């Protein structure tokens, strides 16, 4: 049966001028498709998870039927096979023209497509932007979204935060606990982007077992604050100090039945990161572990 992943792309209060989330999401989607996972791309609106149901292997087979998503405006079938999809118009928001796979698709969505099937994995590609209420709503408007995301993980959906996801959802106090750590303004930093090496910590974990050092062109996040319950899988070195950059939010031996696995990956500043075979291998291993294939 087809596994499904929802990629949430930063916009509004969760976007910034330094990251091209649409571009990197396409590279992540390609890795997912290569693992037999059908990706769907959605921009971050308060109702981005409306109607969603948890995925995971505990879901009945009937609820995981391989059904394409229907475009609400004209019935166009999108997100079939290995083509990623992007949901862009909701309610009275105007339709936008976006690239899906190798062609542009124009669609609106009067109702979110999440009711039709569960997601096995949610991938957060977002950062920190303006939070003034007149720009993208106040904090209260986003509470249902954050509650729904936590409920999905509690119900068995896996969660992957990539790069700037450590610095997103600043309005949600529970996000650092869910992700297993975070970027702290004024403490966390990164040196200038350039050739970078990320080394496995040597722990016997399915994500890193036998994985060589990851060499790519990327930012090296440093001084991230990691929860003591998280298991650090890869580090990078800066000024003679090793800094955690990839971790599993719960140690592999402490999985609780019914809960979705959670992992943070600090790589992936831009598409150049994904040009590296070892970086793509790392991401593929993360997906396999999150979906309990490893």
Protein backbone atom coordinates (compact mmCIF):
# COMPACT_ATOMS: atom_id res chain seq x y z
CA UNK A 1 0.00 0.00 0.00
CA UNK A 2 1.14 3.54 -0.68
CA UNK A 3 2.50 5.55 2.22
CA UNK A 4 1.75 9.28 2.21
CA UNK A 5 3.64 12.31 3.44
CA UNK A 6 2.43 15.86 3.92
CA UNK A 7 5.07 18.56 3.44
CA UNK A 8 4.17 21.82 5.21
CA UNK A 9 5.88 24.82 3.60
CA UNK A 10 6.57 28.03 5.49
CA UNK A 11 4.57 31.10 4.58
CA UNK A 12 3.37 34.18 6.45
CA UNK A 13 4.49 34.06 10.06
CA UNK A 14 6.46 30.89 9.32
CA UNK A 15 8.56 32.03 6.38
CA UNK A 16 11.74 34.08 6.20
CA UNK A 17 13.87 35.73 3.50
CA UNK A 18 16.73 33.21 3.76
CA UNK A 19 15.10 29.92 2.75
CA UNK A 20 13.37 28.88 -0.47
CA UNK A 21 11.00 26.33 0.99
CA UNK A 22 9.27 25.59 -2.31
CA UNK A 23 12.58 24.65 -3.93
CA UNK A 24 13.87 22.48 -1.10
CA UNK A 25 10.47 20.84 -0.70
CA UNK A 26 10.70 19.59 -4.27
CA UNK A 27 14.04 17.95 -3.49
CA UNK A 28 12.65 16.36 -0.34
CA UNK A 29 9.60 15.19 -2.30
CA UNK A 30 11.87 13.51 -4.84
CA UNK A 31 13.62 11.52 -2.09
CA UNK A 32 10.24 10.54 -0.63
CA UNK A 33 8.97 9.38 -4.02
CA UNK A 34 12.13 7.33 -4.43
CA UNK A 35 11.21 5.56 -1.19
CA UNK A 36 7.73 4.78 -2.46
CA UNK A 37 6.12 7.55 -0.41
CA UNK A 38 3.57 9.81 -2.10
CA UNK A 39 4.24 13.45 -1.15
CA UNK A 40 1.71 16.26 -0.95
CA UNK A 41 2.84 19.88 -0.57
CA UNK A 42 0.78 22.45 1.35
CA UNK A 43 1.54 25.99 2.39
CA UNK A 44 1.14 26.74 6.09
CA UNK A 45 -2.30 28.22 6.70
CA UNK A 46 -4.20 27.82 9.98
CA UNK A 47 -6.42 25.18 8.36
CA UNK A 48 -3.59 23.23 6.71
CA UNK A 49 -4.37 20.16 8.85
CA UNK A 50 -8.15 20.47 8.93
CA UNK A 51 -9.80 17.08 8.64
CA UNK A 52 -6.52 15.19 8.97
CA UNK A 53 -6.43 11.72 10.47
CA UNK A 54 -3.34 9.99 11.86
CA UNK A 55 -1.55 7.47 9.69
CA UNK A 56 0.86 4.80 10.83
CA UNK A 57 0.79 1.05 10.49
CA UNK A 58 -1.92 0.67 13.14
CA UNK A 59 -4.50 2.25 10.82
CA UNK A 60 -7.02 -0.14 9.18
CA UNK A 61 -6.09 -1.01 5.62
CA UNK A 62 -9.37 0.38 4.31
CA UNK A 63 -8.52 3.82 5.65
CA UNK A 64 -5.20 3.77 3.77
CA UNK A 65 -6.67 3.11 0.34
CA UNK A 66 -4.55 4.42 -2.50
CA UNK A 67 -6.76 7.26 -3.69
CA UNK A 68 -5.67 10.36 -5.59
CA UNK A 69 -6.62 13.76 -4.25
CA UNK A 70 -9.44 15.52 -6.05
CA UNK A 71 -9.05 19.16 -7.05
CA UNK A 72 -12.14 20.82 -5.61
CA UNK A 73 -12.57 23.43 -8.29
CA UNK A 74 -12.65 21.30 -11.42
CA UNK A 75 -12.24 17.68 -10.31
CA UNK A 76 -8.68 17.46 -11.58
CA UNK A 77 -6.87 14.47 -10.14
CA UNK A 78 -3.56 15.50 -8.70
CA UNK A 79 -0.94 13.79 -6.59
CA UNK A 80 -1.15 10.46 -8.44
CA UNK A 81 1.79 8.07 -8.50
CA UNK A 82 5.07 9.76 -7.65
CA UNK A 83 4.06 13.31 -8.52
CA UNK A 84 4.02 15.64 -5.52
CA UNK A 85 1.00 17.87 -5.06
CA UNK A 86 0.60 21.33 -3.60
CA UNK A 87 -2.59 22.69 -2.09
CA UNK A 88 -2.78 26.41 -2.65
CA UNK A 89 -6.21 28.02 -2.52
CA UNK A 90 -8.51 27.66 0.49
CA UNK A 91 -11.93 29.16 0.96
CA UNK A 92 -11.92 32.65 -0.53
CA UNK A 93 -8.18 32.73 -1.08
CA UNK A 94 -7.34 33.11 -4.76
CA UNK A 95 -6.03 30.25 -6.83
CA UNK A 96 -2.30 30.34 -7.49
CA UNK A 97 -0.41 28.66 -10.29
CA UNK A 98 2.19 26.30 -8.90
CA UNK A 99 4.53 23.66 -10.26
CA UNK A 100 3.52 20.08 -9.55
CA UNK A 101 6.03 17.48 -10.63
CA UNK A 102 7.17 18.59 -14.07
CA UNK A 103 4.15 20.68 -14.96
CA UNK A 104 2.20 23.58 -13.47
CA UNK A 105 -1.18 22.81 -11.95
CA UNK A 106 -3.90 25.31 -11.16
CA UNK A 107 -6.36 24.36 -8.49
CA UNK A 108 -8.40 25.60 -5.56
CA UNK A 109 -9.58 23.70 -2.52
CA UNK A 110 -12.89 24.56 -0.93
CA UNK A 111 -12.38 21.75 1.56
CA UNK A 112 -9.06 20.32 2.68
CA UNK A 113 -8.30 16.92 1.14
CA UNK A 114 -7.12 15.40 4.43
CA UNK A 115 -10.49 13.74 5.12
CA UNK A 116 -9.94 11.16 2.38
CA UNK A 117 -6.84 9.50 3.76
CA UNK A 118 -4.39 9.59 6.65
CA UNK A 119 -0.82 10.83 6.44
CA UNK A 120 1.93 8.54 7.58
CA UNK A 121 4.48 11.36 7.81
CA UNK A 122 4.39 15.13 8.24
CA UNK A 123 7.48 17.08 7.14
CA UNK A 124 7.89 20.65 8.39
CA UNK A 125 9.88 23.00 6.16
CA UNK A 126 9.31 26.37 7.78
CA UNK A 127 11.02 29.10 9.77
CA UNK A 128 10.24 32.27 11.66
CA UNK A 129 8.68 35.41 10.18
CA UNK A 130 6.38 38.28 11.10
CA UNK A 131 3.93 37.58 13.89
CA UNK A 132 1.99 40.85 13.99
CA UNK A 133 -1.74 39.97 14.02
CA UNK A 134 -2.61 42.20 11.06
CA UNK A 135 -0.20 40.27 8.85
CA UNK A 136 -1.08 36.61 9.38
CA UNK A 137 -3.48 36.34 12.31
CA UNK A 138 -2.81 36.32 16.03
CA UNK A 139 -1.47 33.41 18.07
CA UNK A 140 -4.97 32.25 19.01
CA UNK A 141 -5.83 31.72 15.34
CA UNK A 142 -3.06 29.11 15.10
CA UNK A 143 -3.85 27.13 18.27
CA UNK A 144 -6.08 24.59 16.45
CA UNK A 145 -3.30 23.91 13.93
CA UNK A 146 -0.72 23.23 16.64
CA UNK A 147 -3.16 21.07 18.59
CA UNK A 148 -3.95 19.06 15.47
CA UNK A 149 -0.27 18.50 14.66
CA UNK A 150 0.38 17.20 18.17
CA UNK A 151 -2.71 14.99 17.90
CA UNK A 152 -1.47 13.48 14.64
CA UNK A 153 1.83 12.48 16.24
CA UNK A 154 0.02 11.14 19.30
CA UNK A 155 -2.13 9.09 16.93
CA UNK A 156 0.77 7.48 15.08
CA UNK A 157 1.81 9.93 12.35
CA UNK A 158 5.58 10.41 12.12
CA UNK A 159 7.10 13.91 12.18
CA UNK A 160 10.25 15.18 10.45
CA UNK A 161 11.50 18.72 11.03
CA UNK A 162 14.08 19.95 8.53
CA UNK A 163 16.65 22.75 8.99
CA UNK A 164 14.81 25.96 9.98
CA UNK A 165 12.02 23.88 11.55
CA UNK A 166 14.08 24.20 14.74
CA UNK A 167 13.28 27.92 14.62
CA UNK A 168 9.62 27.82 13.63
CA UNK A 169 6.32 27.78 15.57
CA UNK A 170 7.68 30.22 18.16
CA UNK A 171 4.05 30.88 19.16
CA UNK A 172 3.61 27.28 20.28
CA UNK A 173 5.28 26.48 23.62
CA UNK A 174 4.95 22.74 23.01
CA UNK A 175 6.90 22.68 19.75
CA UNK A 176 10.41 22.30 21.25
CA UNK A 177 9.21 19.38 23.36
CA UNK A 178 7.57 17.71 20.37
CA UNK A 179 10.62 18.23 18.14
CA UNK A 180 13.10 17.32 20.86
CA UNK A 181 15.00 20.60 20.78
CA UNK A 182 15.15 23.94 19.02
CA UNK A 183 17.08 26.96 17.79
CA UNK A 184 17.29 29.64 20.49
CA UNK A 185 17.68 33.22 19.20
CA UNK A 186 20.72 34.85 20.74
CA UNK A 187 22.30 31.48 21.51
CA UNK A 188 22.13 29.33 18.39
CA UNK A 189 24.12 30.34 15.31
CA UNK A 190 25.79 29.08 12.17
CA UNK A 191 29.03 30.02 10.40
CA UNK A 192 28.82 31.11 6.74
CA UNK A 193 27.41 28.51 4.38
CA UNK A 194 29.98 26.39 2.58
CA UNK A 195 31.37 22.86 2.28
CA UNK A 196 30.33 21.00 5.42
CA UNK A 197 30.80 17.62 7.07
CA UNK A 198 28.29 16.01 9.42
CA UNK A 199 29.52 12.95 11.28
CA UNK A 200 27.50 10.11 12.84
CA UNK A 201 27.92 9.92 16.59
CA UNK A 202 28.64 6.21 16.56
CA UNK A 203 25.40 5.22 18.24
CA UNK A 204 23.89 1.96 17.06
CA UNK A 205 20.84 3.51 15.40
CA UNK A 206 19.15 2.43 12.14
CA UNK A 207 19.50 5.94 10.68
CA UNK A 208 23.28 6.06 11.06
CA UNK A 209 24.34 2.42 11.21
CA UNK A 210 27.00 2.10 8.49
CA UNK A 211 26.42 5.67 7.26
CA UNK A 212 29.61 7.48 6.22
CA UNK A 213 30.18 11.15 7.12
CA UNK A 214 27.74 13.33 5.21
CA UNK A 215 29.60 15.79 3.01
CA UNK A 216 27.64 18.54 1.33
CA UNK A 217 27.34 22.30 0.79
CA UNK A 218 25.24 23.59 3.63
CA UNK A 219 24.89 25.67 6.75
CA UNK A 220 26.16 24.16 9.99
CA UNK A 221 23.73 24.89 12.77
CA UNK A 222 25.51 25.27 16.11
CA UNK A 223 24.46 25.67 19.73
CA UNK A 224 21.02 24.22 19.22
CA UNK A 225 19.36 23.37 22.52
CA UNK A 226 18.54 19.65 22.55
CA UNK A 227 16.22 17.94 25.01
CA UNK A 228 17.95 15.44 27.32
CA UNK A 229 15.54 12.76 26.10
CA UNK A 230 16.62 13.16 22.46
CA UNK A 231 19.21 10.87 20.90
CA UNK A 232 21.82 12.82 18.91
CA UNK A 233 22.68 11.01 15.68
CA UNK A 234 24.97 13.43 13.78
CA UNK A 235 27.13 16.36 14.80
CA UNK A 236 29.19 19.03 13.06
CA UNK A 237 32.33 20.71 14.30
CA UNK A 238 32.87 24.43 14.71
CA UNK A 239 35.74 26.07 16.62
CA UNK A 240 36.79 22.70 17.97
CA UNK A 241 33.37 21.91 19.43
CA UNK A 242 30.94 19.23 18.21
CA UNK A 243 27.38 20.49 17.80
CA UNK A 244 24.25 18.28 17.47
CA UNK A 245 22.50 18.69 14.13
CA UNK A 246 20.38 15.54 13.73
CA UNK A 247 18.49 13.80 16.52
CA UNK A 248 15.66 11.39 17.21
CA UNK A 249 13.25 12.97 19.65
CA UNK A 250 12.82 9.66 21.46
CA UNK A 251 15.63 7.09 21.71
CA UNK A 252 15.11 4.12 19.38
CA UNK A 253 14.72 1.71 22.27
CA UNK A 254 12.05 3.81 23.97
CA UNK A 255 9.38 3.84 21.25
CA UNK A 256 5.91 3.90 22.69
CA UNK A 257 3.26 1.92 20.78
CA UNK A 258 0.81 4.13 18.93
CA UNK A 259 2.97 7.26 18.92
CA UNK A 260 4.52 8.61 15.76
CA UNK A 261 8.30 8.74 15.63
CA UNK A 262 9.89 12.20 15.55
CA UNK A 263 13.23 13.26 14.08
CA UNK A 264 14.95 16.58 13.47
CA UNK A 265 17.44 17.06 10.61
CA UNK A 266 19.37 20.36 10.68
CA UNK A 267 20.72 20.02 7.14
CA UNK A 268 19.03 21.38 4.01
CA UNK A 269 19.50 25.16 3.83
CA UNK A 270 18.97 25.17 0.07
CA UNK A 271 18.90 22.80 -2.90
CA UNK A 272 22.69 22.49 -2.97
CA UNK A 273 22.49 20.41 0.18
CA UNK A 274 20.50 17.78 -1.71
CA UNK A 275 23.05 17.55 -4.52
CA UNK A 276 25.11 15.37 -2.18
CA UNK A 277 24.53 11.59 -2.43
CA UNK A 278 25.33 11.13 1.27
CA UNK A 279 22.86 13.85 2.25
CA UNK A 280 20.14 12.15 0.20
CA UNK A 281 21.06 8.81 1.73
CA UNK A 282 20.72 10.30 5.20
CA UNK A 283 17.25 11.64 4.38
CA UNK A 284 16.17 8.30 2.90
CA UNK A 285 17.34 6.49 6.04
CA UNK A 286 15.45 8.98 8.22
CA UNK A 287 12.25 8.37 6.26
CA UNK A 288 12.67 4.60 6.55
CA UNK A 289 13.10 4.84 10.31
CA UNK A 290 10.23 7.28 10.76
CA UNK A 291 7.92 4.96 8.83
CA UNK A 292 9.14 1.99 10.90
CA UNK A 293 10.74 0.27 7.95
CA UNK A 294 14.06 0.20 9.84
